[in-house]
Amino acid sequence: MGNVLDSYIFISQGNNHGSKLTLDGLSSHYDHYKTRYFPKLLDDNTVPLCDKAFIKIC
């Protein structure tokens, strides 16, 4: 999926398939990425240093 340019970053969860993404839903996704997903990438040896540097400033 990494090469598919029109793929979704955030998807609906639960029984909300096809519904618009709400501000609360987007905020929840962002919080997950910021607090759990991105910090794990910083510890991953397979992630290039230039990508880690970008993650740190965001």
C-alpha atoms as a PDB file:
ATOM      1  CA  MET A   1       0.000   0.000   0.000  1.00  0.00           C
ATOM      2  CA  GLY A   2       3.015   2.302   0.350  1.00  0.00           C
ATOM      3  CA  ASN A   3       3.009   3.070  -3.390  1.00  0.00           C
ATOM      4  CA  VAL A   4      -0.706   3.761  -3.759  1.00  0.00           C
ATOM      5  CA  LEU A   5      -0.976   7.543  -3.906  1.00  0.00           C
ATOM      6  CA  ASP A   6      -4.744   7.752  -3.472  1.00  0.00           C
ATOM      7  CA  SER A   7      -5.009   5.459  -0.443  1.00  0.00           C
ATOM      8  CA  TYR A   8      -6.554   6.722   2.773  1.00  0.00           C
ATOM      9  CA  ILE A   9      -4.416   7.628   5.779  1.00  0.00           C
ATOM     10  CA  PHE A  10      -7.305   7.502   8.237  1.00  0.00           C
ATOM     11  CA  ILE A  11     -10.088   4.975   7.888  1.00  0.00           C
ATOM     12  CA  SER A  12     -13.448   4.684   9.604  1.00  0.00           C
ATOM     13  CA  GLN A  13     -13.596   2.266  12.477  1.00  0.00           C
ATOM     14  CA  GLY A  14     -16.360   0.196  13.981  1.00  0.00           C
ATOM     15  CA  ASN A  15     -19.730   0.408  12.245  1.00  0.00           C
ATOM     16  CA  ASN A  16     -19.034   3.796  10.638  1.00  0.00           C
ATOM     17  CA  HIS A  17     -17.999   2.527   7.202  1.00  0.00           C
ATOM     18  CA  GLY A  18     -18.825   5.112   4.563  1.00  0.00           C
ATOM     19  CA  SER A  19     -19.427   7.886   7.100  1.00  0.00           C
ATOM     20  CA  LYS A  20     -17.573  11.180   7.124  1.00  0.00           C
ATOM     21  CA  LEU A  21     -14.607  11.418   9.440  1.00  0.00           C
ATOM     22  CA  THR A  22     -15.492  13.728  12.322  1.00  0.00           C
ATOM     23  CA  LEU A  23     -13.147  16.170  14.004  1.00  0.00           C
ATOM     24  CA  ASP A  24     -13.186  13.981  17.126  1.00  0.00           C
ATOM     25  CA  GLY A  25     -12.360  10.920  15.037  1.00  0.00           C
ATOM     26  CA  LEU A  26      -9.477  12.687  13.328  1.00  0.00           C
ATOM     27  CA  SER A  27      -8.193  13.953  16.668  1.00  0.00           C
ATOM     28  CA  SER A  28      -8.309  10.425  18.073  1.00  0.00           C
ATOM     29  CA  HIS A  29      -6.353   9.039  15.124  1.00  0.00           C
ATOM     30  CA  TYR A  30      -3.766  11.809  15.374  1.00  0.00           C
ATOM     31  CA  ASP A  31      -3.348  11.254  19.114  1.00  0.00           C
ATOM     32  CA  HIS A  32      -2.729   7.537  18.506  1.00  0.00           C
ATOM     33  CA  TYR A  33      -0.095   8.239  15.876  1.00  0.00           C
ATOM     34  CA  LYS A  34       1.625  10.960  17.933  1.00  0.00           C
ATOM     35  CA  THR A  35       1.732   9.080  21.246  1.00  0.00           C
ATOM     36  CA  ARG A  36       2.078   5.435  20.184  1.00  0.00           C
ATOM     37  CA  TYR A  37       2.926   4.839  16.533  1.00  0.00           C
ATOM     38  CA  PHE A  38       5.579   7.486  15.796  1.00  0.00           C
ATOM     39  CA  PRO A  39       7.592   6.911  18.998  1.00  0.00           C
ATOM     40  CA  LYS A  40       7.864   3.218  18.075  1.00  0.00           C
ATOM     41  CA  LEU A  41       9.222   4.182  14.654  1.00  0.00           C
ATOM     42  CA  LEU A  42      11.996   6.186  16.318  1.00  0.00           C
ATOM     43  CA  ASP A  43      13.176   2.968  18.025  1.00  0.00           C
ATOM     44  CA  ASP A  44      12.954   0.893  14.818  1.00  0.00           C
ATOM     45  CA  ASN A  45      16.355   0.185  13.249  1.00  0.00           C
ATOM     46  CA  THR A  46      14.806  -0.321   9.803  1.00  0.00           C
ATOM     47  CA  VAL A  47      13.548   3.288   9.617  1.00  0.00           C
ATOM     48  CA  PRO A  48      16.075   5.568   7.862  1.00  0.00           C
ATOM     49  CA  LEU A  49      17.619   8.372   9.933  1.00  0.00           C
ATOM     50  CA  CYS A  50      16.224  11.053   7.606  1.00  0.00           C
ATOM     51  CA  ASP A  51      12.690   9.742   8.253  1.00  0.00           C
ATOM     52  CA  LYS A  52      13.329   9.699  11.998  1.00  0.00           C
ATOM     53  CA  ALA A  53      14.509  13.313  11.842  1.00  0.00           C
ATOM     54  CA  PHE A  54      11.283  14.303  10.065  1.00  0.00           C
ATOM     55  CA  ILE A  55       9.158  12.451  12.630  1.00  0.00           C
ATOM     56  CA  LYS A  56      10.930  14.250  15.477  1.00  0.00           C
ATOM     57  CA  ILE A  57      10.110  17.719  14.146  1.00  0.00           C
ATOM     58  CA  CYS A  58       6.437  16.980  13.529  1.00  0.00           C
END
